PDB file of all heavy atoms in Angstrom:
ATOM      1  N   ALA A   1     113.808 -32.279 211.596  1.00  0.00           N
ATOM      2  CA  ALA A   1     112.359 -32.272 212.040  1.00  0.00           C
ATOM      3  C   ALA A   1     111.862 -30.933 212.551  1.00  0.00           C
ATOM      4  O   ALA A   1     110.871 -30.495 212.299  1.00  0.00           O
ATOM      5  CB  ALA A   1     112.248 -33.328 213.130  1.00  0.00           C
ATOM      6  N   ASN A   2     112.793 -30.295 213.298  1.00  0.00           N
ATOM      7  CA  ASN A   2     112.454 -28.839 213.760  1.00  0.00           C
ATOM      8  C   ASN A   2     112.246 -27.956 212.653  1.00  0.00           C
ATOM      9  O   ASN A   2     111.363 -27.126 212.670  1.00  0.00           O
ATOM     10  CB  ASN A   2     113.540 -28.532 214.815  1.00  0.00           C
ATOM     11  CG  ASN A   2     113.155 -27.205 215.470  1.00  0.00           C
ATOM     12  OD1 ASN A   2     112.027 -26.999 215.939  1.00  0.00           O
ATOM     13  ND2 ASN A   2     114.094 -26.254 215.567  1.00  0.00           N
ATOM     14  N   LEU A   3     113.152 -27.966 211.691  1.00  0.00           N
ATOM     15  CA  LEU A   3     113.030 -27.130 210.506  1.00  0.00           C
ATOM     16  C   LEU A   3     111.747 -27.480 209.726  1.00  0.00           C
ATOM     17  O   LEU A   3     111.112 -26.497 209.233  1.00  0.00           O
ATOM     18  CB  LEU A   3     114.268 -27.293 209.571  1.00  0.00           C
ATOM     19  CG  LEU A   3     115.479 -26.582 210.162  1.00  0.00           C
ATOM     20  CD1 LEU A   3     116.674 -26.890 209.152  1.00  0.00           C
ATOM     21  CD2 LEU A   3     115.363 -25.099 210.363  1.00  0.00           C
ATOM     22  N   LEU A   4     111.413 -28.673 209.612  1.00  0.00           N
ATOM     23  CA  LEU A   4     110.197 -29.009 208.847  1.00  0.00           C
ATOM     24  C   LEU A   4     108.978 -28.437 209.555  1.00  0.00           C
ATOM     25  O   LEU A   4     108.018 -27.979 208.883  1.00  0.00           O
ATOM     26  CB  LEU A   4     110.032 -30.481 208.801  1.00  0.00           C
ATOM     27  CG  LEU A   4     110.974 -31.276 207.830  1.00  0.00           C
ATOM     28  CD1 LEU A   4     110.937 -32.767 208.063  1.00  0.00           C
ATOM     29  CD2 LEU A   4     110.495 -30.958 206.413  1.00  0.00           C
ATOM     30  N   LEU A   5     108.973 -28.363 210.834  1.00  0.00           N
ATOM     31  CA  LEU A   5     107.836 -27.885 211.551  1.00  0.00           C
ATOM     32  C   LEU A   5     107.810 -26.294 211.674  1.00  0.00           C
ATOM     33  O   LEU A   5     106.700 -25.790 211.748  1.00  0.00           O
ATOM     34  CB  LEU A   5     107.732 -28.405 212.940  1.00  0.00           C
ATOM     35  CG  LEU A   5     107.559 -29.968 213.094  1.00  0.00           C
ATOM     36  CD1 LEU A   5     107.540 -30.410 214.542  1.00  0.00           C
ATOM     37  CD2 LEU A   5     106.240 -30.371 212.367  1.00  0.00           C
ATOM     38  N   HIS A   6     108.942 -25.729 211.669  1.00  0.00           N
ATOM     39  CA  HIS A   6     108.993 -24.303 212.012  1.00  0.00           C
ATOM     40  C   HIS A   6     109.615 -23.399 210.889  1.00  0.00           C
ATOM     41  O   HIS A   6     109.955 -22.230 211.148  1.00  0.00           O
ATOM     42  CB  HIS A   6     109.850 -24.072 213.349  1.00  0.00           C
ATOM     43  CG  HIS A   6     109.284 -24.803 214.463  1.00  0.00           C
ATOM     44  ND1 HIS A   6     108.100 -24.477 215.048  1.00  0.00           N
ATOM     45  CD2 HIS A   6     109.692 -25.964 215.092  1.00  0.00           C
ATOM     46  CE1 HIS A   6     107.781 -25.344 216.068  1.00  0.00           C
ATOM     47  NE2 HIS A   6     108.849 -26.206 216.131  1.00  0.00           N
ATOM     48  N   SER A   7     109.598 -23.973 209.729  1.00  0.00           N
ATOM     49  CA  SER A   7     110.023 -23.114 208.573  1.00  0.00           C
ATOM     50  C   SER A   7     109.288 -23.542 207.292  1.00  0.00           C
ATOM     51  O   SER A   7     108.668 -24.562 207.363  1.00  0.00           O
ATOM     52  CB  SER A   7     111.526 -23.331 208.336  1.00  0.00           C
ATOM     53  OG  SER A   7     111.793 -24.504 207.669  1.00  0.00           O
ATOM     54  N   ASP A   8     109.365 -22.780 206.346  1.00  0.00           N
ATOM     55  CA  ASP A   8     108.805 -23.055 205.032  1.00  0.00           C
ATOM     56  C   ASP A   8     109.871 -23.476 203.991  1.00  0.00           C
ATOM     57  O   ASP A   8     109.520 -23.511 202.843  1.00  0.00           O
ATOM     58  CB  ASP A   8     108.023 -21.797 204.518  1.00  0.00           C
ATOM     59  CG  ASP A   8     106.791 -21.415 205.327  1.00  0.00           C
ATOM     60  OD1 ASP A   8     106.271 -22.301 205.943  1.00  0.00           O
ATOM     61  OD2 ASP A   8     106.524 -20.258 205.409  1.00  0.00           O
ATOM     62  N   GLN A   9     110.929 -23.828 204.465  1.00  0.00           N
ATOM     63  CA  GLN A   9     112.128 -24.248 203.535  1.00  0.00           C
ATOM     64  C   GLN A   9     111.689 -25.617 202.771  1.00  0.00           C
ATOM     65  O   GLN A   9     110.932 -26.402 203.379  1.00  0.00           O
ATOM     66  CB  GLN A   9     113.310 -24.526 204.345  1.00  0.00           C
ATOM     67  CG  GLN A   9     113.939 -23.323 204.954  1.00  0.00           C
ATOM     68  CD  GLN A   9     115.250 -23.688 205.653  1.00  0.00           C
ATOM     69  OE1 GLN A   9     116.051 -24.491 205.189  1.00  0.00           O
ATOM     70  NE2 GLN A   9     115.471 -23.077 206.757  1.00  0.00           N
ATOM     71  N   LYS A  10     112.277 -25.662 201.624  1.00  0.00           N
ATOM     72  CA  LYS A  10     111.978 -26.964 200.888  1.00  0.00           C
ATOM     73  C   LYS A  10     112.686 -28.055 201.613  1.00  0.00           C
ATOM     74  O   LYS A  10     113.761 -27.864 202.229  1.00  0.00           O
ATOM     75  CB  LYS A  10     112.512 -26.778 199.444  1.00  0.00           C
ATOM     76  CG  LYS A  10     111.725 -25.767 198.583  1.00  0.00           C
ATOM     77  CD  LYS A  10     112.390 -25.691 197.262  1.00  0.00           C
ATOM     78  CE  LYS A  10     111.632 -24.594 196.383  1.00  0.00           C
ATOM     79  NZ  LYS A  10     112.242 -24.442 195.089  1.00  0.00           N
ATOM     80  N   VAL A  11     112.165 -29.292 201.362  1.00  0.00           N
ATOM     81  CA  VAL A  11     112.826 -30.429 201.973  1.00  0.00           C
ATOM     82  C   VAL A  11     114.249 -30.594 201.571  1.00  0.00           C
ATOM     83  O   VAL A  11     115.147 -30.943 202.385  1.00  0.00           O
ATOM     84  CB  VAL A  11     112.013 -31.759 201.659  1.00  0.00           C
ATOM     85  CG1 VAL A  11     112.720 -32.955 202.072  1.00  0.00           C
ATOM     86  CG2 VAL A  11     110.664 -31.638 202.270  1.00  0.00           C
ATOM     87  N   ILE A  12     114.598 -30.318 200.279  1.00  0.00           N
ATOM     88  CA  ILE A  12     115.992 -30.534 199.862  1.00  0.00           C
ATOM     89  C   ILE A  12     116.883 -29.552 200.604  1.00  0.00           C
ATOM     90  O   ILE A  12     118.001 -29.928 200.996  1.00  0.00           O
ATOM     91  CB  ILE A  12     116.134 -30.442 198.283  1.00  0.00           C
ATOM     92  CG1 ILE A  12     117.501 -30.779 197.866  1.00  0.00           C
ATOM     93  CG2 ILE A  12     115.708 -28.993 197.877  1.00  0.00           C
ATOM     94  CD1 ILE A  12     117.662 -31.038 196.413  1.00  0.00           C
ATOM     95  N   ASP A  13     116.409 -28.402 200.825  1.00  0.00           N
ATOM     96  CA  ASP A  13     117.198 -27.266 201.519  1.00  0.00           C
ATOM     97  C   ASP A  13     117.481 -27.741 202.979  1.00  0.00           C
ATOM     98  O   ASP A  13     118.540 -27.535 203.583  1.00  0.00           O
ATOM     99  CB  ASP A  13     116.612 -25.955 201.515  1.00  0.00           C
ATOM    100  CG  ASP A  13     116.558 -25.414 199.993  1.00  0.00           C
ATOM    101  OD1 ASP A  13     117.440 -25.714 199.256  1.00  0.00           O
ATOM    102  OD2 ASP A  13     115.600 -24.595 199.665  1.00  0.00           O
ATOM    103  N   ILE A  14     116.357 -28.341 203.549  1.00  0.00           N
ATOM    104  CA  ILE A  14     116.414 -28.777 205.010  1.00  0.00           C
ATOM    105  C   ILE A  14     117.484 -29.975 205.102  1.00  0.00           C
ATOM    106  O   ILE A  14     118.265 -30.001 205.949  1.00  0.00           O
ATOM    107  CB  ILE A  14     115.109 -29.158 205.524  1.00  0.00           C
ATOM    108  CG1 ILE A  14     114.271 -27.895 205.648  1.00  0.00           C
ATOM    109  CG2 ILE A  14     115.268 -29.921 206.825  1.00  0.00           C
ATOM    110  CD1 ILE A  14     112.801 -28.208 205.983  1.00  0.00           C
ATOM    111  N   ALA A  15     117.460 -30.843 204.057  1.00  0.00           N
ATOM    112  CA  ALA A  15     118.303 -31.970 204.029  1.00  0.00           C
ATOM    113  C   ALA A  15     119.832 -31.499 204.015  1.00  0.00           C
ATOM    114  O   ALA A  15     120.666 -31.936 204.889  1.00  0.00           O
ATOM    115  CB  ALA A  15     118.053 -32.868 202.849  1.00  0.00           C
ATOM    116  N   TYR A  16     120.084 -30.538 203.194  1.00  0.00           N
ATOM    117  CA  TYR A  16     121.459 -30.016 203.113  1.00  0.00           C
ATOM    118  C   TYR A  16     121.791 -29.132 204.343  1.00  0.00           C
ATOM    119  O   TYR A  16     122.994 -29.250 204.768  1.00  0.00           O
ATOM    120  CB  TYR A  16     121.746 -29.278 201.777  1.00  0.00           C
ATOM    121  CG  TYR A  16     121.667 -30.170 200.619  1.00  0.00           C
ATOM    122  CD1 TYR A  16     120.822 -29.969 199.523  1.00  0.00           C
ATOM    123  CD2 TYR A  16     122.494 -31.273 200.511  1.00  0.00           C
ATOM    124  CE1 TYR A  16     120.831 -30.773 198.413  1.00  0.00           C
ATOM    125  CE2 TYR A  16     122.501 -32.201 199.423  1.00  0.00           C
ATOM    126  CZ  TYR A  16     121.614 -31.834 198.375  1.00  0.00           C
ATOM    127  OH  TYR A  16     121.646 -32.669 197.301  1.00  0.00           O
ATOM    128  N   ALA A  17     120.891 -28.459 204.861  1.00  0.00           N
ATOM    129  CA  ALA A  17     121.104 -27.594 206.001  1.00  0.00           C
ATOM    130  C   ALA A  17     121.400 -28.498 207.260  1.00  0.00           C
ATOM    131  O   ALA A  17     122.085 -28.136 208.205  1.00  0.00           O
ATOM    132  CB  ALA A  17     119.989 -26.711 206.342  1.00  0.00           C
ATOM    133  N   SER A  18     120.866 -29.793 207.235  1.00  0.00           N
ATOM    134  CA  SER A  18     121.089 -30.626 208.338  1.00  0.00           C
ATOM    135  C   SER A  18     122.284 -31.546 208.232  1.00  0.00           C
ATOM    136  O   SER A  18     122.538 -32.386 209.078  1.00  0.00           O
ATOM    137  CB  SER A  18     119.846 -31.563 208.387  1.00  0.00           C
ATOM    138  OG  SER A  18     118.659 -30.793 208.615  1.00  0.00           O
ATOM    139  N   GLY A  19     123.115 -31.301 207.144  1.00  0.00           N
ATOM    140  CA  GLY A  19     124.326 -32.002 207.008  1.00  0.00           C
ATOM    141  C   GLY A  19     124.344 -33.259 206.135  1.00  0.00           C
ATOM    142  O   GLY A  19     125.271 -33.916 206.116  1.00  0.00           O
ATOM    143  N   PHE A  20     123.159 -33.501 205.553  1.00  0.00           N
ATOM    144  CA  PHE A  20     123.122 -34.694 204.657  1.00  0.00           C
ATOM    145  C   PHE A  20     123.623 -34.296 203.326  1.00  0.00           C
ATOM    146  O   PHE A  20     123.440 -33.243 202.783  1.00  0.00           O
ATOM    147  CB  PHE A  20     121.664 -35.215 204.503  1.00  0.00           C
ATOM    148  CG  PHE A  20     121.162 -35.850 205.767  1.00  0.00           C
ATOM    149  CD1 PHE A  20     120.588 -35.184 206.752  1.00  0.00           C
ATOM    150  CD2 PHE A  20     121.430 -37.161 205.959  1.00  0.00           C
ATOM    151  CE1 PHE A  20     120.145 -35.746 207.989  1.00  0.00           C
ATOM    152  CE2 PHE A  20     120.957 -37.859 207.071  1.00  0.00           C
ATOM    153  CZ  PHE A  20     120.415 -37.148 208.144  1.00  0.00           C
ATOM    154  N   GLN A  21     124.367 -35.262 202.686  1.00  0.00           N
ATOM    155  CA  GLN A  21     124.999 -34.972 201.423  1.00  0.00           C
ATOM    156  C   GLN A  21     124.110 -35.336 200.252  1.00  0.00           C
ATOM    157  O   GLN A  21     124.421 -34.954 199.100  1.00  0.00           O
ATOM    158  CB  GLN A  21     126.365 -35.726 201.333  1.00  0.00           C
ATOM    159  CG  GLN A  21     127.279 -35.356 202.434  1.00  0.00           C
ATOM    160  CD  GLN A  21     127.654 -33.912 202.444  1.00  0.00           C
ATOM    161  OE1 GLN A  21     127.992 -33.301 201.357  1.00  0.00           O
ATOM    162  NE2 GLN A  21     127.614 -33.263 203.543  1.00  0.00           N
ATOM    163  N   SER A  22     123.022 -36.047 200.480  1.00  0.00           N
ATOM    164  CA  SER A  22     122.152 -36.326 199.313  1.00  0.00           C
ATOM    165  C   SER A  22     120.740 -36.437 199.887  1.00  0.00           C
ATOM    166  O   SER A  22     120.477 -36.785 201.017  1.00  0.00           O
ATOM    167  CB  SER A  22     122.496 -37.700 198.693  1.00  0.00           C
ATOM    168  OG  SER A  22     122.080 -38.797 199.441  1.00  0.00           O
ATOM    169  N   LEU A  23     119.735 -36.124 199.010  1.00  0.00           N
ATOM    170  CA  LEU A  23     118.373 -36.163 199.439  1.00  0.00           C
ATOM    171  C   LEU A  23     117.914 -37.581 199.699  1.00  0.00           C
ATOM    172  O   LEU A  23     117.141 -37.779 200.646  1.00  0.00           O
ATOM    173  CB  LEU A  23     117.545 -35.491 198.312  1.00  0.00           C
ATOM    174  CG  LEU A  23     116.064 -35.274 198.578  1.00  0.00           C
ATOM    175  CD1 LEU A  23     115.880 -34.395 199.804  1.00  0.00           C
ATOM    176  CD2 LEU A  23     115.429 -34.667 197.407  1.00  0.00           C
ATOM    177  N   SER A  24     118.397 -38.503 198.902  1.00  0.00           N
ATOM    178  CA  SER A  24     117.893 -39.906 199.131  1.00  0.00           C
ATOM    179  C   SER A  24     118.371 -40.445 200.413  1.00  0.00           C
ATOM    180  O   SER A  24     117.644 -41.154 201.129  1.00  0.00           O
ATOM    181  CB  SER A  24     118.446 -40.791 197.976  1.00  0.00           C
ATOM    182  OG  SER A  24     119.741 -40.931 197.975  1.00  0.00           O
ATOM    183  N   ARG A  25     119.671 -40.091 200.875  1.00  0.00           N
ATOM    184  CA  ARG A  25     120.065 -40.542 202.125  1.00  0.00           C
ATOM    185  C   ARG A  25     119.267 -39.929 203.312  1.00  0.00           C
ATOM    186  O   ARG A  25     118.912 -40.545 204.343  1.00  0.00           O
ATOM    187  CB  ARG A  25     121.575 -40.245 202.364  1.00  0.00           C
ATOM    188  CG  ARG A  25     122.403 -41.120 201.465  1.00  0.00           C
ATOM    189  CD  ARG A  25     123.828 -40.946 201.812  1.00  0.00           C
ATOM    190  NE  ARG A  25     124.080 -41.866 202.999  1.00  0.00           N
ATOM    191  CZ  ARG A  25     125.257 -42.100 203.529  1.00  0.00           C
ATOM    192  NH1 ARG A  25     126.306 -41.548 202.961  1.00  0.00           N
ATOM    193  NH2 ARG A  25     125.387 -42.805 204.573  1.00  0.00           N
ATOM    194  N   PHE A  26     118.952 -38.576 203.070  1.00  0.00           N
ATOM    195  CA  PHE A  26     118.159 -37.892 204.149  1.00  0.00           C
ATOM    196  C   PHE A  26     116.690 -38.605 204.209  1.00  0.00           C
ATOM    197  O   PHE A  26     116.314 -38.884 205.321  1.00  0.00           O
ATOM    198  CB  PHE A  26     118.001 -36.447 203.622  1.00  0.00           C
ATOM    199  CG  PHE A  26     116.961 -35.747 204.499  1.00  0.00           C
ATOM    200  CD1 PHE A  26     117.245 -35.495 205.908  1.00  0.00           C
ATOM    201  CD2 PHE A  26     115.750 -35.265 203.988  1.00  0.00           C
ATOM    202  CE1 PHE A  26     116.325 -34.808 206.651  1.00  0.00           C
ATOM    203  CE2 PHE A  26     114.860 -34.540 204.757  1.00  0.00           C
ATOM    204  CZ  PHE A  26     115.045 -34.315 206.064  1.00  0.00           C
ATOM    205  N   TYR A  27     116.035 -38.800 203.070  1.00  0.00           N
ATOM    206  CA  TYR A  27     114.810 -39.458 203.137  1.00  0.00           C
ATOM    207  C   TYR A  27     114.804 -40.794 203.829  1.00  0.00           C
ATOM    208  O   TYR A  27     113.958 -41.140 204.648  1.00  0.00           O
ATOM    209  CB  TYR A  27     114.210 -39.669 201.721  1.00  0.00           C
ATOM    210  CG  TYR A  27     113.268 -38.576 201.340  1.00  0.00           C
ATOM    211  CD1 TYR A  27     113.734 -37.358 200.652  1.00  0.00           C
ATOM    212  CD2 TYR A  27     111.907 -38.655 201.550  1.00  0.00           C
ATOM    213  CE1 TYR A  27     112.862 -36.397 200.271  1.00  0.00           C
ATOM    214  CE2 TYR A  27     111.028 -37.676 201.139  1.00  0.00           C
ATOM    215  CZ  TYR A  27     111.567 -36.438 200.584  1.00  0.00           C
ATOM    216  OH  TYR A  27     110.652 -35.469 200.147  1.00  0.00           O
ATOM    217  N   HIS A  28     115.794 -41.595 203.484  1.00  0.00           N
ATOM    218  CA  HIS A  28     115.922 -42.969 204.041  1.00  0.00           C
ATOM    219  C   HIS A  28     116.110 -42.854 205.540  1.00  0.00           C
ATOM    220  O   HIS A  28     115.432 -43.605 206.375  1.00  0.00           O
ATOM    221  CB  HIS A  28     117.109 -43.747 203.429  1.00  0.00           C
ATOM    222  CG  HIS A  28     117.304 -45.090 203.974  1.00  0.00           C
ATOM    223  ND1 HIS A  28     116.432 -46.134 203.646  1.00  0.00           N
ATOM    224  CD2 HIS A  28     118.181 -45.613 204.738  1.00  0.00           C
ATOM    225  CE1 HIS A  28     116.829 -47.237 204.338  1.00  0.00           C
ATOM    226  NE2 HIS A  28     117.950 -46.929 204.965  1.00  0.00           N
ATOM    227  N   ALA A  29     117.009 -42.028 205.913  1.00  0.00           N
ATOM    228  CA  ALA A  29     117.335 -41.914 207.464  1.00  0.00           C
ATOM    229  C   ALA A  29     116.081 -41.304 208.196  1.00  0.00           C
ATOM    230  O   ALA A  29     115.812 -41.721 209.318  1.00  0.00           O
ATOM    231  CB  ALA A  29     118.522 -40.975 207.678  1.00  0.00           C
TER     232      ALA A  29
END
């Protein structure tokens, strides 16, 4: 959430940087 607000990174890059192994699991969580 902090990266979403304070960076221009793509959502998929944020998901992986946050330790999620898949984009769908990240979106669901």
